[in-house]
Amino acid sequence: MRAIRLKGRSVTVARVRGTVLTRDQAGLRKGRVLGADDVSVLRAEAEVHLVRLGPGDVHEDEAAMRLSRAVAHAGVSMTAPHQSQVRLVARHRGRLEVDADAIRALNRITGVSVFTLFHGSAVEAGEEVAGTKVTPVAVPESALRRAEVVARGREVIQVVPFRPLRTLIAVTERLRARARAAFAEAVQRKLGWYGAELIGVREVARTEAAMAEVYAEAVEGRVQLMLLAGASSIDPLDPAYSQLSGAGGRLLVRGAPAHPGSMIWLGALNSTVVIGVASCSGFGRNTALDLVLPIMFARGTLSASDLRELGHGGLIEHAAGRRFPPYP
């Protein structure tokens, strides 16, 4: 790639045809491949900056497309290049999964730039989730080959669709009519966004018999996700725990490094994932629950390590921003 500086009055078709403009000039955008139609406007400039590409150079638009093809996987579409960038767009609603190690390795290659939303973000169909570009107007072919080697065999950027999980809600609190209506609205809004198959909302007494009954319903109904609101995560004698064990399940973890939502807990009952939250009132706002629901609905399962890894970004109150699903 050879840099060329021309006085505007010396611009001719022969001198600039096939060269690439390196800055916005005379209403033409940086990166434009120049032709005969551009000569008249460039001749009015005091000075013109451009480069002539060599046989081993790849123009920024083609380079961005090649980078996108290397990193885009299931659930991701590519846009056409615009101002040297290609954007990656979610084909459907789901959870964005990013191989951060691959992104770091790619961005260590001189001139290469790949950028994404946070790994684990819940995204909507049509939403931009990542972008690719090269910082100069062209890069060596060798740099692109290195990038393609880094990305080979890795699902660098993908959007995993949510599953319509059979979901049961159990509430151990006695709700007044207004609170019950607000809770029902929040449940339908949030779980409906994931496409959950909501099989029921049960108000359950905080007794061993009542908890045993609702756990039995979850097993018999082949429930995949049970949300239990109102059980105490710090009281080991709460019937939610004793009856979980009595039904053949087990407690996986109590508490999570997040606020609000630190009282969340996780259990397993046959094929049912049980997520406990301290109060049904939390459904109306963003809490740690909203950070684990995208994992659950994308994978169909949830582990203790998923909760324990919430700490980085777990201060939710004012700064979580884009980490939350874009609920209506």
Protein backbone atom coordinates (compact mmCIF):
# COMPACT_ATOMS: atom_id res chain seq x y z
CA MET A 1 0.00 0.00 0.00
CA ARG A 2 1.62 3.26 -1.17
CA ALA A 3 0.57 6.67 0.15
CA ILE A 4 0.11 9.43 -2.43
CA ARG A 5 -0.24 13.18 -1.88
CA LEU A 6 -1.47 15.25 -4.82
CA LYS A 7 -2.18 18.91 -5.34
CA GLY A 8 -5.79 19.20 -6.40
CA ARG A 9 -4.95 20.77 -9.75
CA SER A 10 -2.69 17.82 -10.60
CA VAL A 11 -5.43 15.23 -10.18
CA THR A 12 -6.08 13.30 -13.39
CA VAL A 13 -7.96 10.13 -14.22
CA ALA A 14 -4.72 8.29 -14.89
CA ARG A 15 -3.23 9.27 -11.53
CA VAL A 16 -6.20 8.47 -9.28
CA ARG A 17 -8.20 5.70 -10.98
CA GLY A 18 -8.33 2.68 -8.63
CA THR A 19 -6.74 4.50 -5.68
CA VAL A 20 -8.45 4.81 -2.30
CA LEU A 21 -9.28 8.07 -0.57
CA THR A 22 -7.83 8.18 2.97
CA ARG A 23 -9.97 11.01 4.38
CA ASP A 24 -13.32 12.62 3.69
CA GLN A 25 -12.80 15.18 0.94
CA ALA A 26 -14.98 17.13 -1.51
CA GLY A 27 -18.10 15.28 -0.31
CA LEU A 28 -16.48 11.87 -0.90
CA ARG A 29 -16.11 9.38 1.95
CA LYS A 30 -12.89 7.92 3.24
CA GLY A 31 -12.32 4.49 1.70
CA ARG A 32 -13.88 5.37 -1.65
CA VAL A 33 -12.24 3.67 -4.61
CA LEU A 34 -11.74 6.56 -7.03
CA GLY A 35 -12.76 6.67 -10.65
CA ALA A 36 -13.11 9.13 -13.50
CA ASP A 37 -16.29 10.68 -12.07
CA ASP A 38 -14.40 11.87 -8.99
CA VAL A 39 -11.71 13.87 -10.76
CA SER A 40 -13.59 17.14 -11.21
CA VAL A 41 -14.49 17.55 -7.53
CA LEU A 42 -11.04 16.54 -6.31
CA ARG A 43 -9.33 19.06 -8.58
CA ALA A 44 -10.98 21.81 -6.53
CA GLU A 45 -9.20 20.62 -3.36
CA ALA A 46 -5.94 22.16 -2.19
CA GLU A 47 -4.48 18.73 -1.50
CA VAL A 48 -5.69 15.15 -1.94
CA HIS A 49 -4.58 12.18 0.20
CA LEU A 50 -4.95 8.67 -1.14
CA VAL A 51 -3.27 5.29 -1.31
CA ARG A 52 -2.71 2.82 -4.09
CA LEU A 53 -3.23 -0.76 -2.96
CA GLY A 54 -0.68 -3.43 -3.71
CA PRO A 55 -1.39 -7.02 -4.76
CA GLY A 56 -1.33 -8.19 -1.12
CA ASP A 57 -3.74 -5.53 0.21
CA VAL A 58 -7.46 -5.99 0.91
CA HIS A 59 -9.84 -3.00 0.82
CA GLU A 60 -11.61 -2.20 4.11
CA ASP A 61 -15.09 -3.22 2.91
CA GLU A 62 -13.98 -6.63 1.68
CA ALA A 63 -11.86 -7.08 4.81
CA ALA A 64 -14.83 -6.32 7.08
CA MET A 65 -16.96 -8.84 5.18
CA ARG A 66 -14.31 -11.53 5.56
CA LEU A 67 -14.01 -10.85 9.28
CA SER A 68 -17.78 -11.09 9.67
CA ARG A 69 -17.92 -14.38 7.80
CA ALA A 70 -15.21 -15.71 10.12
CA VAL A 71 -16.96 -14.79 13.37
CA ALA A 72 -20.71 -14.99 12.60
CA HIS A 73 -22.40 -18.26 13.50
CA ALA A 74 -25.88 -19.57 14.27
CA GLY A 75 -28.59 -16.97 14.66
CA VAL A 76 -26.52 -14.11 13.20
CA SER A 77 -26.85 -12.26 9.88
CA MET A 78 -24.48 -9.76 8.26
CA THR A 79 -25.29 -6.35 6.82
CA ALA A 80 -23.61 -4.86 3.76
CA PRO A 81 -20.53 -2.74 4.52
CA HIS A 82 -21.31 0.85 5.52
CA GLN A 83 -18.49 3.32 6.09
CA SER A 84 -16.05 0.40 6.31
CA GLN A 85 -18.10 -1.48 8.93
CA VAL A 86 -20.19 -4.64 8.74
CA ARG A 87 -22.75 -5.12 11.50
CA LEU A 88 -23.93 -8.49 12.78
CA VAL A 89 -27.65 -8.72 13.52
CA ALA A 90 -29.68 -11.22 15.54
CA ARG A 91 -31.90 -13.35 13.31
CA HIS A 92 -34.22 -14.13 16.19
CA ARG A 93 -34.81 -13.34 19.86
CA GLY A 94 -32.32 -15.14 22.07
CA ARG A 95 -29.16 -15.05 24.15
CA LEU A 96 -26.00 -13.62 22.64
CA GLU A 97 -23.02 -15.88 23.25
CA VAL A 98 -19.54 -14.49 22.59
CA ASP A 99 -16.20 -16.29 22.69
CA ALA A 100 -14.39 -13.47 24.50
CA ASP A 101 -10.99 -15.17 24.22
CA ALA A 102 -11.36 -15.28 20.44
CA ILE A 103 -12.41 -11.60 20.35
CA ARG A 104 -9.32 -10.64 22.35
CA ALA A 105 -7.06 -12.67 20.07
CA LEU A 106 -8.60 -11.15 16.94
CA ASN A 107 -8.17 -7.61 18.23
CA ARG A 108 -4.47 -8.21 18.85
CA ILE A 109 -3.97 -8.44 15.08
CA THR A 110 -2.88 -5.06 13.78
CA GLY A 111 -5.68 -3.26 11.98
CA VAL A 112 -8.41 -5.77 12.89
CA SER A 113 -11.40 -4.65 14.98
CA VAL A 114 -14.26 -6.86 16.22
CA PHE A 115 -16.71 -5.50 18.83
CA THR A 116 -19.82 -6.96 20.46
CA LEU A 117 -22.51 -6.50 23.07
CA PHE A 118 -21.89 -8.20 26.42
CA HIS A 119 -21.71 -11.98 26.37
CA GLY A 120 -25.00 -13.28 27.74
CA SER A 121 -27.12 -10.34 26.61
CA ALA A 122 -30.74 -11.13 25.85
CA VAL A 123 -31.38 -9.65 22.40
CA GLU A 124 -34.32 -9.04 20.11
CA ALA A 125 -34.66 -10.15 16.49
CA GLY A 126 -33.09 -7.53 14.23
CA GLU A 127 -30.90 -6.09 16.97
CA GLU A 128 -27.26 -5.31 16.19
CA VAL A 129 -25.09 -7.55 18.35
CA ALA A 130 -21.58 -7.02 16.93
CA GLY A 131 -19.55 -5.27 14.28
CA THR A 132 -16.36 -5.79 12.31
CA LYS A 133 -14.04 -3.38 10.56
CA VAL A 134 -10.40 -2.67 9.87
CA THR A 135 -8.94 0.61 11.05
CA PRO A 136 -6.90 1.54 7.92
CA VAL A 137 -8.49 1.72 4.46
CA ALA A 138 -6.87 -1.61 3.64
CA VAL A 139 -5.02 -4.38 5.45
CA PRO A 140 -2.56 -7.03 4.28
CA GLU A 141 -4.08 -10.31 3.16
CA SER A 142 -1.81 -11.98 5.73
CA ALA A 143 -3.60 -10.18 8.60
CA LEU A 144 -6.98 -11.47 7.43
CA ARG A 145 -5.65 -15.00 7.09
CA ARG A 146 -4.38 -14.82 10.67
CA ALA A 147 -7.84 -13.66 11.81
CA GLU A 148 -9.52 -16.49 9.94
CA VAL A 149 -7.18 -19.00 11.57
CA VAL A 150 -8.00 -17.61 15.03
CA ALA A 151 -11.75 -17.93 14.39
CA ARG A 152 -11.62 -21.33 12.68
CA GLY A 153 -13.48 -24.04 14.61
CA ARG A 154 -14.84 -21.57 17.18
CA GLU A 155 -18.40 -20.27 17.49
CA VAL A 156 -17.20 -16.74 18.06
CA ILE A 157 -20.55 -14.93 17.93
CA GLN A 158 -23.94 -16.66 18.00
CA VAL A 159 -27.49 -16.03 19.15
CA VAL A 160 -29.06 -19.04 20.84
CA PRO A 161 -32.88 -19.01 20.59
CA PHE A 162 -34.97 -19.24 23.73
CA ARG A 163 -36.87 -22.43 24.43
CA PRO A 164 -40.60 -22.50 25.29
CA LEU A 165 -39.98 -24.08 28.70
CA ARG A 166 -42.90 -25.50 30.66
CA THR A 167 -42.96 -23.15 33.64
CA LEU A 168 -44.79 -23.25 36.97
CA ILE A 169 -44.94 -20.30 39.37
CA ALA A 170 -45.46 -20.90 43.09
CA VAL A 171 -45.96 -18.03 45.53
CA THR A 172 -45.84 -18.62 49.28
CA GLU A 173 -47.00 -15.09 50.11
CA ARG A 174 -50.60 -14.08 50.69
CA LEU A 175 -51.24 -11.40 48.09
CA ARG A 176 -53.84 -8.67 48.13
CA ALA A 177 -55.82 -8.21 44.94
CA ARG A 178 -53.74 -5.26 43.72
CA ALA A 179 -50.45 -7.02 44.44
CA ARG A 180 -51.75 -10.19 42.79
CA ALA A 181 -52.64 -8.28 39.62
CA ALA A 182 -49.24 -6.54 39.50
CA PHE A 183 -47.46 -9.85 40.01
CA ALA A 184 -49.50 -11.56 37.26
CA GLU A 185 -48.70 -8.73 34.83
CA ALA A 186 -44.97 -8.92 35.58
CA VAL A 187 -44.92 -12.71 35.24
CA GLN A 188 -46.70 -12.64 31.89
CA ARG A 189 -44.53 -9.80 30.58
CA LYS A 190 -41.19 -11.30 31.51
CA LEU A 191 -41.78 -15.01 31.01
CA GLY A 192 -43.92 -14.36 27.93
CA TRP A 193 -41.00 -12.50 26.37
CA TYR A 194 -38.99 -15.73 26.52
CA GLY A 195 -41.86 -17.73 25.08
CA ALA A 196 -42.44 -19.72 28.27
CA GLU A 197 -45.34 -22.17 28.37
CA LEU A 198 -46.83 -20.99 31.66
CA ILE A 199 -48.87 -23.85 33.07
CA GLY A 200 -50.02 -22.07 36.21
CA VAL A 201 -49.50 -19.63 39.06
CA ARG A 202 -50.11 -21.22 42.46
CA GLU A 203 -50.54 -19.45 45.81
CA VAL A 204 -49.10 -21.95 48.26
CA ALA A 205 -49.24 -21.95 52.05
CA ARG A 206 -45.86 -21.89 53.74
CA THR A 207 -46.29 -25.41 55.12
CA GLU A 208 -44.60 -28.72 54.45
CA ALA A 209 -47.78 -30.28 53.09
CA ALA A 210 -48.44 -27.43 50.66
CA MET A 211 -44.83 -27.39 49.44
CA ALA A 212 -44.84 -31.15 48.97
CA GLU A 213 -47.99 -30.83 46.87
CA VAL A 214 -46.62 -28.17 44.54
CA TYR A 215 -43.34 -30.04 44.06
CA ALA A 216 -45.35 -33.14 43.16
CA GLU A 217 -47.28 -31.09 40.61
CA ALA A 218 -43.99 -29.96 39.04
CA VAL A 219 -42.77 -33.54 38.69
CA GLU A 220 -46.05 -34.93 37.41
CA GLY A 221 -46.49 -32.04 34.96
CA ARG A 222 -42.96 -32.49 33.55
CA VAL A 223 -42.23 -28.87 34.46
CA GLN A 224 -38.85 -27.65 33.20
CA LEU A 225 -38.70 -24.46 35.27
CA MET A 226 -40.32 -23.77 38.60
CA LEU A 227 -40.12 -20.25 40.02
CA LEU A 228 -40.76 -20.16 43.75
CA ALA A 229 -41.34 -16.75 45.32
CA GLY A 230 -41.41 -16.17 49.05
CA ALA A 231 -39.15 -18.88 50.50
CA SER A 232 -36.34 -17.63 52.70
CA SER A 233 -32.87 -18.27 51.33
CA ILE A 234 -31.32 -17.90 54.81
CA ASP A 235 -33.69 -20.09 56.85
CA PRO A 236 -32.55 -23.72 56.56
CA LEU A 237 -35.83 -24.83 58.16
CA ASP A 238 -38.00 -23.25 55.47
CA PRO A 239 -40.32 -25.98 54.11
CA ALA A 240 -39.22 -25.13 50.57
CA TYR A 241 -35.92 -26.89 51.32
CA SER A 242 -37.08 -29.83 53.41
CA GLN A 243 -39.79 -30.73 50.93
CA LEU A 244 -37.46 -30.29 47.97
CA SER A 245 -35.28 -32.97 49.51
CA GLY A 246 -38.32 -35.06 50.42
CA ALA A 247 -39.47 -34.97 46.79
CA GLY A 248 -36.13 -36.33 45.64
CA GLY A 249 -34.53 -33.01 44.77
CA ARG A 250 -31.54 -31.13 46.13
CA LEU A 251 -30.49 -27.62 46.93
CA LEU A 252 -27.61 -26.48 44.68
CA VAL A 253 -26.79 -23.01 45.98
CA ARG A 254 -28.26 -20.37 48.29
CA GLY A 255 -27.56 -16.74 47.52
CA ALA A 256 -25.77 -15.03 44.64
CA PRO A 257 -23.13 -12.25 44.43
CA ALA A 258 -25.60 -9.66 43.13
CA HIS A 259 -27.76 -6.84 44.38
CA PRO A 260 -30.70 -6.62 44.23
CA GLY A 261 -31.43 -10.31 44.07
CA SER A 262 -28.76 -11.71 46.38
CA MET A 263 -31.36 -13.93 48.08
CA ILE A 264 -31.94 -15.99 44.95
CA TRP A 265 -31.42 -19.74 45.32
CA LEU A 266 -31.25 -22.71 43.00
CA GLY A 267 -32.41 -26.29 43.28
CA ALA A 268 -32.89 -29.35 41.09
CA LEU A 269 -35.86 -31.73 41.16
CA ASN A 270 -35.63 -34.54 38.60
CA SER A 271 -35.70 -32.65 35.29
CA THR A 272 -37.09 -29.47 36.89
CA VAL A 273 -34.87 -26.47 37.63
CA VAL A 274 -36.14 -24.66 40.74
CA ILE A 275 -35.29 -20.99 41.11
CA GLY A 276 -36.25 -19.36 44.37
CA VAL A 277 -36.56 -15.63 44.94
CA ALA A 278 -37.20 -13.90 48.24
CA SER A 279 -40.39 -12.11 47.26
CA CYS A 280 -42.85 -11.94 44.39
CA SER A 281 -42.51 -8.12 44.52
CA GLY A 282 -39.14 -8.53 42.79
CA PHE A 283 -40.80 -9.59 39.56
CA GLY A 284 -41.71 -5.97 38.82
CA ARG A 285 -38.12 -4.73 38.68
CA ASN A 286 -34.77 -5.89 37.41
CA THR A 287 -32.89 -8.20 39.78
CA ALA A 288 -30.40 -11.06 39.61
CA LEU A 289 -33.28 -13.20 38.36
CA ASP A 290 -33.22 -11.25 35.08
CA LEU A 291 -29.56 -12.12 34.62
CA VAL A 292 -30.15 -15.86 34.94
CA LEU A 293 -33.43 -16.20 33.02
CA PRO A 294 -31.69 -15.71 29.62
CA ILE A 295 -29.29 -18.53 30.50
CA MET A 296 -32.13 -20.79 31.58
CA PHE A 297 -34.30 -20.21 28.53
CA ALA A 298 -31.38 -20.52 26.10
CA ARG A 299 -29.85 -23.68 27.56
CA GLY A 300 -32.83 -25.28 29.25
CA THR A 301 -30.77 -25.66 32.41
CA LEU A 302 -28.97 -23.64 35.05
CA SER A 303 -26.00 -24.47 37.29
CA ALA A 304 -24.64 -23.27 40.61
CA SER A 305 -21.64 -21.80 38.79
CA ASP A 306 -23.98 -19.65 36.68
CA LEU A 307 -25.17 -17.94 39.86
CA ARG A 308 -21.69 -17.68 41.36
CA GLU A 309 -20.38 -15.94 38.25
CA LEU A 310 -22.84 -13.04 38.56
CA GLY A 311 -20.43 -11.01 40.70
CA HIS A 312 -18.76 -9.22 37.78
CA GLY A 313 -21.61 -6.89 36.86
CA GLY A 314 -23.69 -7.98 39.84
CA LEU A 315 -24.18 -4.44 41.19
CA ILE A 316 -27.44 -4.07 39.35
CA GLU A 317 -29.25 -1.09 40.83
CA HIS A 318 -28.20 1.84 38.64
CA ALA A 319 -25.47 0.74 36.28
CA ALA A 320 -26.56 -2.54 34.70
CA GLY A 321 -28.04 -0.79 31.66
CA ARG A 322 -27.91 -2.91 28.53
CA ARG A 323 -27.33 -6.15 30.43
CA PHE A 324 -31.07 -6.48 30.93
CA PRO A 325 -33.45 -7.97 28.38
CA PRO A 326 -35.36 -5.35 26.39
CA TYR A 327 -38.74 -6.13 27.90
CA PRO A 328 -41.63 -4.11 26.48
